[in-house]
């Protein structure tokens, strides 16, 4: 394993130390686990991945007012007029 030194803000270092102490792990173990899970998560969210597709399909569409107006106009244009005549009255 290659050794790397990371400079981080003091508040982040203290938070990491607190998490490590609570989990009875070393700061290095907690940092590696966190970085590894972050990388795995970003790999899952690559464009075209199953996770990315599920996220896109599940997301609420972001429509503008003009999108809504265009949809309403298309709905009105597609309506078929029906006669108010009772077909069984003959």
PDB file of N, CA and C in Angstrom:
ATOM      1  N   UNK A   1       0.854  -1.167   0.000  1.00  0.00           N
ATOM      2  CA  UNK A   1       0.000   0.000   0.000  1.00  0.00           C
ATOM      3  C   UNK A   1       0.903   1.233   0.000  1.00  0.00           C
ATOM      4  N   UNK A   2       0.595   2.155  -0.893  1.00  0.00           N
ATOM      5  CA  UNK A   2       1.381   3.384  -0.973  1.00  0.00           C
ATOM      6  C   UNK A   2       0.967   4.324   0.162  1.00  0.00           C
ATOM      7  N   UNK A   3       1.926   5.014   0.708  1.00  0.00           N
ATOM      8  CA  UNK A   3       1.653   5.989   1.770  1.00  0.00           C
ATOM      9  C   UNK A   3       1.447   7.362   1.158  1.00  0.00           C
ATOM     10  N   UNK A   4       0.401   8.027   1.586  1.00  0.00           N
ATOM     11  CA  UNK A   4       0.110   9.382   1.140  1.00  0.00           C
ATOM     12  C   UNK A   4      -0.207  10.228   2.362  1.00  0.00           C
ATOM     13  N   UNK A   5       0.192  11.452   2.329  1.00  0.00           N
ATOM     14  CA  UNK A   5      -0.149  12.399   3.386  1.00  0.00           C
ATOM     15  C   UNK A   5      -1.190  13.358   2.843  1.00  0.00           C
ATOM     16  N   UNK A   6      -2.228  13.548   3.603  1.00  0.00           N
ATOM     17  CA  UNK A   6      -3.274  14.474   3.206  1.00  0.00           C
ATOM     18  C   UNK A   6      -3.329  15.636   4.183  1.00  0.00           C
ATOM     19  N   UNK A   7      -3.361  16.838   3.653  1.00  0.00           N
ATOM     20  CA  UNK A   7      -3.591  18.019   4.477  1.00  0.00           C
ATOM     21  C   UNK A   7      -5.078  18.286   4.468  1.00  0.00           C
ATOM     22  N   UNK A   8      -5.650  18.448   5.671  1.00  0.00           N
ATOM     23  CA  UNK A   8      -7.083  18.718   5.774  1.00  0.00           C
ATOM     24  C   UNK A   8      -7.316  19.726   6.877  1.00  0.00           C
ATOM     25  N   UNK A   9      -8.441  20.407   6.820  1.00  0.00           N
ATOM     26  CA  UNK A   9      -8.761  21.371   7.867  1.00  0.00           C
ATOM     27  C   UNK A   9      -8.851  20.683   9.232  1.00  0.00           C
ATOM     28  N   UNK A  10      -8.520  21.429  10.278  1.00  0.00           N
ATOM     29  CA  UNK A  10      -8.514  20.869  11.636  1.00  0.00           C
ATOM     30  C   UNK A  10      -9.878  20.323  12.046  1.00  0.00           C
ATOM     31  N   UNK A  11     -10.959  21.009  11.690  1.00  0.00           N
ATOM     32  CA  UNK A  11     -12.282  20.534  12.088  1.00  0.00           C
ATOM     33  C   UNK A  11     -12.619  19.197  11.435  1.00  0.00           C
ATOM     34  N   UNK A  12     -12.188  19.005  10.191  1.00  0.00           N
ATOM     35  CA  UNK A  12     -12.406  17.735   9.514  1.00  0.00           C
ATOM     36  C   UNK A  12     -11.577  16.624  10.162  1.00  0.00           C
ATOM     37  N   UNK A  13     -10.356  16.931  10.526  1.00  0.00           N
ATOM     38  CA  UNK A  13      -9.495  15.951  11.187  1.00  0.00           C
ATOM     39  C   UNK A  13     -10.081  15.537  12.536  1.00  0.00           C
ATOM     40  N   UNK A  14     -10.595  16.510  13.295  1.00  0.00           N
ATOM     41  CA  UNK A  14     -11.210  16.185  14.588  1.00  0.00           C
ATOM     42  C   UNK A  14     -12.456  15.322  14.408  1.00  0.00           C
ATOM     43  N   UNK A  15     -13.257  15.640  13.401  1.00  0.00           N
ATOM     44  CA  UNK A  15     -14.447  14.830  13.130  1.00  0.00           C
ATOM     45  C   UNK A  15     -14.065  13.401  12.762  1.00  0.00           C
ATOM     46  N   UNK A  16     -13.051  13.270  11.951  1.00  0.00           N
ATOM     47  CA  UNK A  16     -12.584  11.944  11.543  1.00  0.00           C
ATOM     48  C   UNK A  16     -12.052  11.166  12.744  1.00  0.00           C
ATOM     49  N   UNK A  17     -11.340  11.846  13.622  1.00  0.00           N
ATOM     50  CA  UNK A  17     -10.833  11.196  14.840  1.00  0.00           C
ATOM     51  C   UNK A  17     -11.988  10.745  15.731  1.00  0.00           C
ATOM     52  N   UNK A  18     -13.039  11.566  15.834  1.00  0.00           N
ATOM     53  CA  UNK A  18     -14.198  11.209  16.640  1.00  0.00           C
ATOM     54  C   UNK A  18     -14.921   9.989  16.085  1.00  0.00           C
ATOM     55  N   UNK A  19     -15.078   9.938  14.782  1.00  0.00           N
ATOM     56  CA  UNK A  19     -15.721   8.788  14.141  1.00  0.00           C
ATOM     57  C   UNK A  19     -14.890   7.534  14.370  1.00  0.00           C
ATOM     58  N   UNK A  20     -13.580   7.661  14.203  1.00  0.00           N
ATOM     59  CA  UNK A  20     -12.684   6.510  14.393  1.00  0.00           C
ATOM     60  C   UNK A  20     -12.757   5.994  15.823  1.00  0.00           C
ATOM     61  N   UNK A  21     -12.772   6.895  16.782  1.00  0.00           N
ATOM     62  CA  UNK A  21     -12.838   6.484  18.185  1.00  0.00           C
ATOM     63  C   UNK A  21     -14.157   5.774  18.478  1.00  0.00           C
ATOM     64  N   UNK A  22     -15.259   6.292  17.935  1.00  0.00           N
ATOM     65  CA  UNK A  22     -16.566   5.690  18.168  1.00  0.00           C
ATOM     66  C   UNK A  22     -16.664   4.292  17.560  1.00  0.00           C
ATOM     67  N   UNK A  23     -15.939   4.070  16.478  1.00  0.00           N
ATOM     68  CA  UNK A  23     -15.990   2.778  15.790  1.00  0.00           C
ATOM     69  C   UNK A  23     -14.845   1.855  16.213  1.00  0.00           C
ATOM     70  N   UNK A  24     -14.029   2.303  17.159  1.00  0.00           N
ATOM     71  CA  UNK A  24     -12.854   1.542  17.619  1.00  0.00           C
ATOM     72  C   UNK A  24     -11.947   1.164  16.447  1.00  0.00           C
ATOM     73  N   UNK A  25     -11.720   2.136  15.579  1.00  0.00           N
ATOM     74  CA  UNK A  25     -10.858   1.948  14.412  1.00  0.00           C
ATOM     75  C   UNK A  25      -9.829   3.061  14.395  1.00  0.00           C
ATOM     76  N   UNK A  26      -8.827   2.872  13.550  1.00  0.00           N
ATOM     77  CA  UNK A  26      -7.846   3.938  13.382  1.00  0.00           C
ATOM     78  C   UNK A  26      -8.406   4.986  12.425  1.00  0.00           C
ATOM     79  N   UNK A  27      -7.851   6.177  12.492  1.00  0.00           N
ATOM     80  CA  UNK A  27      -8.263   7.249  11.587  1.00  0.00           C
ATOM     81  C   UNK A  27      -8.031   6.807  10.149  1.00  0.00           C
ATOM     82  N   UNK A  28      -6.930   6.128   9.913  1.00  0.00           N
ATOM     83  CA  UNK A  28      -6.601   5.662   8.570  1.00  0.00           C
ATOM     84  C   UNK A  28      -7.663   4.675   8.066  1.00  0.00           C
ATOM     85  N   UNK A  29      -8.108   3.744   8.909  1.00  0.00           N
ATOM     86  CA  UNK A  29      -9.122   2.774   8.499  1.00  0.00           C
ATOM     87  C   UNK A  29     -10.430   3.467   8.126  1.00  0.00           C
ATOM     88  N   UNK A  30     -10.843   4.410   8.945  1.00  0.00           N
ATOM     89  CA  UNK A  30     -12.093   5.126   8.679  1.00  0.00           C
ATOM     90  C   UNK A  30     -11.977   5.932   7.390  1.00  0.00           C
ATOM     91  N   UNK A  31     -10.843   6.591   7.204  1.00  0.00           N
ATOM     92  CA  UNK A  31     -10.643   7.399   5.999  1.00  0.00           C
ATOM     93  C   UNK A  31     -10.642   6.525   4.748  1.00  0.00           C
ATOM     94  N   UNK A  32      -9.965   5.399   4.801  1.00  0.00           N
ATOM     95  CA  UNK A  32      -9.903   4.497   3.641  1.00  0.00           C
ATOM     96  C   UNK A  32     -11.290   3.939   3.329  1.00  0.00           C
ATOM     97  N   UNK A  33     -12.027   3.516   4.358  1.00  0.00           N
ATOM     98  CA  UNK A  33     -13.375   2.992   4.136  1.00  0.00           C
ATOM     99  C   UNK A  33     -14.282   4.049   3.512  1.00  0.00           C
ATOM    100  N   UNK A  34     -14.195   5.263   4.015  1.00  0.00           N
ATOM    101  CA  UNK A  34     -15.016   6.344   3.476  1.00  0.00           C
ATOM    102  C   UNK A  34     -14.682   6.672   2.037  1.00  0.00           C
ATOM    103  N   UNK A  35     -13.389   6.751   1.740  1.00  0.00           N
ATOM    104  CA  UNK A  35     -12.968   7.040   0.370  1.00  0.00           C
ATOM    105  C   UNK A  35     -13.350   5.900  -0.573  1.00  0.00           C
ATOM    106  N   UNK A  36     -13.176   4.673  -0.100  1.00  0.00           N
ATOM    107  CA  UNK A  36     -13.524   3.516  -0.937  1.00  0.00           C
ATOM    108  C   UNK A  36     -15.023   3.508  -1.251  1.00  0.00           C
ATOM    109  N   UNK A  37     -15.871   3.762  -0.257  1.00  0.00           N
ATOM    110  CA  UNK A  37     -17.316   3.758  -0.517  1.00  0.00           C
ATOM    111  C   UNK A  37     -17.716   4.917  -1.432  1.00  0.00           C
ATOM    112  N   UNK A  38     -17.038   6.051  -1.306  1.00  0.00           N
ATOM    113  CA  UNK A  38     -17.315   7.185  -2.184  1.00  0.00           C
ATOM    114  C   UNK A  38     -16.964   6.845  -3.627  1.00  0.00           C
ATOM    115  N   UNK A  39     -15.839   6.201  -3.836  1.00  0.00           N
ATOM    116  CA  UNK A  39     -15.415   5.819  -5.183  1.00  0.00           C
ATOM    117  C   UNK A  39     -16.364   4.773  -5.759  1.00  0.00           C
ATOM    118  N   UNK A  40     -16.769   3.791  -4.951  1.00  0.00           N
ATOM    119  CA  UNK A  40     -17.711   2.773  -5.424  1.00  0.00           C
ATOM    120  C   UNK A  40     -19.039   3.407  -5.802  1.00  0.00           C
ATOM    121  N   UNK A  41     -19.496   4.355  -5.007  1.00  0.00           N
ATOM    122  CA  UNK A  41     -20.755   5.027  -5.303  1.00  0.00           C
ATOM    123  C   UNK A  41     -20.655   5.811  -6.603  1.00  0.00           C
ATOM    124  N   UNK A  42     -19.540   6.513  -6.812  1.00  0.00           N
ATOM    125  CA  UNK A  42     -19.394   7.296  -8.042  1.00  0.00           C
ATOM    126  C   UNK A  42     -19.275   6.377  -9.249  1.00  0.00           C
ATOM    127  N   UNK A  43     -18.665   5.201  -9.092  1.00  0.00           N
ATOM    128  CA  UNK A  43     -18.583   4.242 -10.187  1.00  0.00           C
ATOM    129  C   UNK A  43     -19.967   3.738 -10.575  1.00  0.00           C
ATOM    130  N   UNK A  44     -20.828   3.549  -9.568  1.00  0.00           N
ATOM    131  CA  UNK A  44     -22.180   3.067  -9.835  1.00  0.00           C
ATOM    132  C   UNK A  44     -23.006   4.115 -10.562  1.00  0.00           C
ATOM    133  N   UNK A  45     -22.662   5.369 -10.393  1.00  0.00           N
ATOM    134  CA  UNK A  45     -23.454   6.438 -10.981  1.00  0.00           C
ATOM    135  C   UNK A  45     -22.916   6.916 -12.324  1.00  0.00           C
ATOM    136  N   UNK A  46     -22.004   6.164 -12.930  1.00  0.00           N
ATOM    137  CA  UNK A  46     -21.511   6.542 -14.247  1.00  0.00           C
ATOM    138  C   UNK A  46     -22.672   6.563 -15.234  1.00  0.00           C
ATOM    139  N   UNK A  47     -22.598   7.461 -16.198  1.00  0.00           N
ATOM    140  CA  UNK A  47     -23.658   7.577 -17.190  1.00  0.00           C
ATOM    141  C   UNK A  47     -23.894   6.232 -17.862  1.00  0.00           C
ATOM    142  N   UNK A  48     -25.146   5.830 -17.928  1.00  0.00           N
ATOM    143  CA  UNK A  48     -25.510   4.580 -18.567  1.00  0.00           C
ATOM    144  C   UNK A  48     -25.502   3.378 -17.649  1.00  0.00           C
ATOM    145  N   UNK A  49     -25.017   3.547 -16.430  1.00  0.00           N
ATOM    146  CA  UNK A  49     -25.004   2.421 -15.490  1.00  0.00           C
ATOM    147  C   UNK A  49     -26.428   2.164 -15.002  1.00  0.00           C
ATOM    148  N   UNK A  50     -26.709   0.948 -14.531  1.00  0.00           N
ATOM    149  CA  UNK A  50     -28.047   0.676 -14.015  1.00  0.00           C
ATOM    150  C   UNK A  50     -28.465   1.642 -12.905  1.00  0.00           C
ATOM    151  N   UNK A  51     -27.537   1.974 -12.009  1.00  0.00           N
ATOM    152  CA  UNK A  51     -27.873   2.889 -10.923  1.00  0.00           C
ATOM    153  C   UNK A  51     -28.211   4.278 -11.460  1.00  0.00           C
ATOM    154  N   UNK A  52     -27.467   4.735 -12.462  1.00  0.00           N
ATOM    155  CA  UNK A  52     -27.727   6.050 -13.041  1.00  0.00           C
ATOM    156  C   UNK A  52     -29.074   6.061 -13.766  1.00  0.00           C
ATOM    157  N   UNK A  53     -29.401   4.965 -14.451  1.00  0.00           N
ATOM    158  CA  UNK A  53     -30.683   4.891 -15.146  1.00  0.00           C
ATOM    159  C   UNK A  53     -31.847   4.886 -14.157  1.00  0.00           C
ATOM    160  N   UNK A  54     -31.714   4.126 -13.067  1.00  0.00           N
ATOM    161  CA  UNK A  54     -32.767   4.112 -12.052  1.00  0.00           C
ATOM    162  C   UNK A  54     -32.964   5.491 -11.442  1.00  0.00           C
ATOM    163  N   UNK A  55     -31.859   6.173 -11.198  1.00  0.00           N
ATOM    164  CA  UNK A  55     -31.950   7.508 -10.616  1.00  0.00           C
ATOM    165  C   UNK A  55     -32.654   8.463 -11.582  1.00  0.00           C
ATOM    166  N   UNK A  56     -32.315   8.371 -12.865  1.00  0.00           N
ATOM    167  CA  UNK A  56     -32.926   9.256 -13.858  1.00  0.00           C
ATOM    168  C   UNK A  56     -34.412   8.971 -14.019  1.00  0.00           C
ATOM    169  N   UNK A  57     -34.792   7.700 -14.021  1.00  0.00           N
ATOM    170  CA  UNK A  57     -36.196   7.338 -14.190  1.00  0.00           C
ATOM    171  C   UNK A  57     -37.011   7.726 -12.955  1.00  0.00           C
ATOM    172  N   UNK A  58     -36.400   7.640 -11.786  1.00  0.00           N
ATOM    173  CA  UNK A  58     -37.103   7.941 -10.536  1.00  0.00           C
ATOM    174  C   UNK A  58     -37.204   9.430 -10.254  1.00  0.00           C
ATOM    175  N   UNK A  59     -36.384  10.228 -10.902  1.00  0.00           N
ATOM    176  CA  UNK A  59     -36.336  11.661 -10.620  1.00  0.00           C
ATOM    177  C   UNK A  59     -37.588  12.362 -11.156  1.00  0.00           C
ATOM    178  N   UNK A  60     -38.006  13.366 -10.445  1.00  0.00           N
ATOM    179  CA  UNK A  60     -39.129  14.182 -10.880  1.00  0.00           C
ATOM    180  C   UNK A  60     -38.686  15.027 -12.062  1.00  0.00           C
ATOM    181  N   UNK A  61     -39.488  15.088 -13.120  1.00  0.00           N
ATOM    182  CA  UNK A  61     -39.073  15.910 -14.267  1.00  0.00           C
ATOM    183  C   UNK A  61     -39.073  17.391 -13.903  1.00  0.00           C
ATOM    184  N   UNK A  62     -38.151  18.103 -14.458  1.00  0.00           N
ATOM    185  CA  UNK A  62     -38.040  19.543 -14.225  1.00  0.00           C
ATOM    186  C   UNK A  62     -38.614  20.250 -15.448  1.00  0.00           C
ATOM    187  N   UNK A  63     -39.863  20.650 -15.339  1.00  0.00           N
ATOM    188  CA  UNK A  63     -40.556  21.267 -16.461  1.00  0.00           C
ATOM    189  C   UNK A  63     -40.626  22.773 -16.300  1.00  0.00           C
ATOM    190  N   UNK A  64     -40.500  23.446 -17.417  1.00  0.00           N
ATOM    191  CA  UNK A  64     -40.671  24.894 -17.407  1.00  0.00           C
ATOM    192  C   UNK A  64     -42.130  25.210 -17.719  1.00  0.00           C
ATOM    193  N   UNK A  65     -42.501  26.456 -17.544  1.00  0.00           N
ATOM    194  CA  UNK A  65     -43.870  26.868 -17.846  1.00  0.00           C
ATOM    195  C   UNK A  65     -44.181  26.644 -19.317  1.00  0.00           C
ATOM    196  N   UNK A  66     -43.218  26.882 -20.188  1.00  0.00           N
ATOM    197  CA  UNK A  66     -43.464  26.678 -21.622  1.00  0.00           C
ATOM    198  C   UNK A  66     -43.654  25.196 -21.941  1.00  0.00           C
ATOM    199  N   UNK A  67     -42.970  24.309 -21.215  1.00  0.00           N
ATOM    200  CA  UNK A  67     -43.174  22.866 -21.406  1.00  0.00           C
ATOM    201  C   UNK A  67     -44.606  22.488 -21.083  1.00  0.00           C
ATOM    202  N   UNK A  68     -45.117  23.013 -19.978  1.00  0.00           N
ATOM    203  CA  UNK A  68     -46.488  22.707 -19.555  1.00  0.00           C
ATOM    204  C   UNK A  68     -47.478  23.256 -20.571  1.00  0.00           C
ATOM    205  N   UNK A  69     -47.257  24.479 -21.050  1.00  0.00           N
ATOM    206  CA  UNK A  69     -48.155  25.073 -22.047  1.00  0.00           C
ATOM    207  C   UNK A  69     -48.160  24.257 -23.331  1.00  0.00           C
ATOM    208  N   UNK A  70     -46.996  23.798 -23.749  1.00  0.00           N
ATOM    209  CA  UNK A  70     -46.896  22.989 -24.964  1.00  0.00           C
ATOM    210  C   UNK A  70     -47.633  21.666 -24.801  1.00  0.00           C
ATOM    211  N   UNK A  71     -47.521  21.038 -23.645  1.00  0.00           N
ATOM    212  CA  UNK A  71     -48.223  19.789 -23.372  1.00  0.00           C
ATOM    213  C   UNK A  71     -49.732  20.003 -23.377  1.00  0.00           C
ATOM    214  N   UNK A  72     -50.190  21.061 -22.724  1.00  0.00           N
ATOM    215  CA  UNK A  72     -51.626  21.342 -22.696  1.00  0.00           C
ATOM    216  C   UNK A  72     -52.156  21.622 -24.101  1.00  0.00           C
ATOM    217  N   UNK A  73     -51.382  22.333 -24.926  1.00  0.00           N
ATOM    218  CA  UNK A  73     -51.801  22.605 -26.307  1.00  0.00           C
ATOM    219  C   UNK A  73     -51.882  21.304 -27.109  1.00  0.00           C
ATOM    220  N   UNK A  74     -50.930  20.400 -26.895  1.00  0.00           N
ATOM    221  CA  UNK A  74     -50.945  19.115 -27.604  1.00  0.00           C
ATOM    222  C   UNK A  74     -52.145  18.277 -27.181  1.00  0.00           C
ATOM    223  N   UNK A  75     -52.490  18.328 -25.906  1.00  0.00           N
ATOM    224  CA  UNK A  75     -53.662  17.590 -25.416  1.00  0.00           C
ATOM    225  C   UNK A  75     -54.931  18.149 -26.052  1.00  0.00           C
ATOM    226  N   UNK A  76     -55.058  19.477 -26.082  1.00  0.00           N
ATOM    227  CA  UNK A  76     -56.237  20.094 -26.695  1.00  0.00           C
ATOM    228  C   UNK A  76     -56.319  19.781 -28.182  1.00  0.00           C
ATOM    229  N   UNK A  77     -55.194  19.797 -28.875  1.00  0.00           N
ATOM    230  CA  UNK A  77     -55.174  19.527 -30.313  1.00  0.00           C
ATOM    231  C   UNK A  77     -55.515  18.074 -30.610  1.00  0.00           C
ATOM    232  N   UNK A  78     -55.258  17.190 -29.700  1.00  0.00           N
ATOM    233  CA  UNK A  78     -55.503  15.772 -29.927  1.00  0.00           C
ATOM    234  C   UNK A  78     -56.879  15.298 -29.532  1.00  0.00           C
ATOM    235  N   UNK A  79     -57.686  16.162 -28.977  1.00  0.00           N
ATOM    236  CA  UNK A  79     -59.036  15.764 -28.555  1.00  0.00           C
ATOM    237  C   UNK A  79     -59.931  15.540 -29.772  1.00  0.00           C
ATOM    238  N   UNK A  80     -60.792  14.549 -29.657  1.00  0.00           N
ATOM    239  CA  UNK A  80     -61.743  14.249 -30.720  1.00  0.00           C
ATOM    240  C   UNK A  80     -63.127  14.689 -30.242  1.00  0.00           C
ATOM    241  N   UNK A  81     -63.789  15.450 -31.086  1.00  0.00           N
ATOM    242  CA  UNK A  81     -65.139  15.880 -30.743  1.00  0.00           C
ATOM    243  C   UNK A  81     -66.083  14.695 -30.894  1.00  0.00           C
ATOM    244  N   UNK A  82     -66.930  14.536 -29.941  1.00  0.00           N
ATOM    245  CA  UNK A  82     -67.901  13.450 -29.995  1.00  0.00           C
ATOM    246  C   UNK A  82     -69.298  14.040 -30.058  1.00  0.00           C
ATOM    247  N   UNK A  83     -70.199  13.293 -30.666  1.00  0.00           N
ATOM    248  CA  UNK A  83     -71.587  13.743 -30.760  1.00  0.00           C
ATOM    249  C   UNK A  83     -72.300  13.423 -29.461  1.00  0.00           C
ATOM    250  N   UNK A  84     -73.238  14.260 -29.100  1.00  0.00           N
ATOM    251  CA  UNK A  84     -73.986  14.052 -27.865  1.00  0.00           C
ATOM    252  C   UNK A  84     -75.212  13.189 -28.126  1.00  0.00           C
ATOM    253  N   UNK A  85     -75.260  12.492 -29.255  1.00  0.00           N
ATOM    254  CA  UNK A  85     -76.402  11.690 -29.652  1.00  0.00           C
ATOM    255  C   UNK A  85     -76.314  10.315 -29.007  1.00  0.00           C
ATOM    256  N   UNK A  86     -77.413   9.781 -28.554  1.00  0.00           N
ATOM    257  CA  UNK A  86     -77.467   8.455 -27.974  1.00  0.00           C
ATOM    258  C   UNK A  86     -77.569   7.431 -29.101  1.00  0.00           C
ATOM    259  N   UNK A  87     -76.584   6.571 -29.279  1.00  0.00           N
ATOM    260  CA  UNK A  87     -76.623   5.619 -30.397  1.00  0.00           C
ATOM    261  C   UNK A  87     -77.713   4.565 -30.246  1.00  0.00           C
ATOM    262  N   UNK A  88     -78.295   4.405 -29.079  1.00  0.00           N
ATOM    263  CA  UNK A  88     -79.317   3.383 -28.869  1.00  0.00           C
ATOM    264  C   UNK A  88     -80.735   3.925 -29.004  1.00  0.00           C
ATOM    265  N   UNK A  89     -80.850   5.187 -29.300  1.00  0.00           N
ATOM    266  CA  UNK A  89     -82.177   5.783 -29.377  1.00  0.00           C
ATOM    267  C   UNK A  89     -82.852   5.489 -30.707  1.00  0.00           C
ATOM    268  N   UNK A  90     -82.157   5.036 -31.704  1.00  0.00           N
ATOM    269  CA  UNK A  90     -82.732   4.769 -33.017  1.00  0.00           C
ATOM    270  C   UNK A  90     -83.544   3.508 -33.065  1.00  0.00           C
TER     271      UNK A  90
END
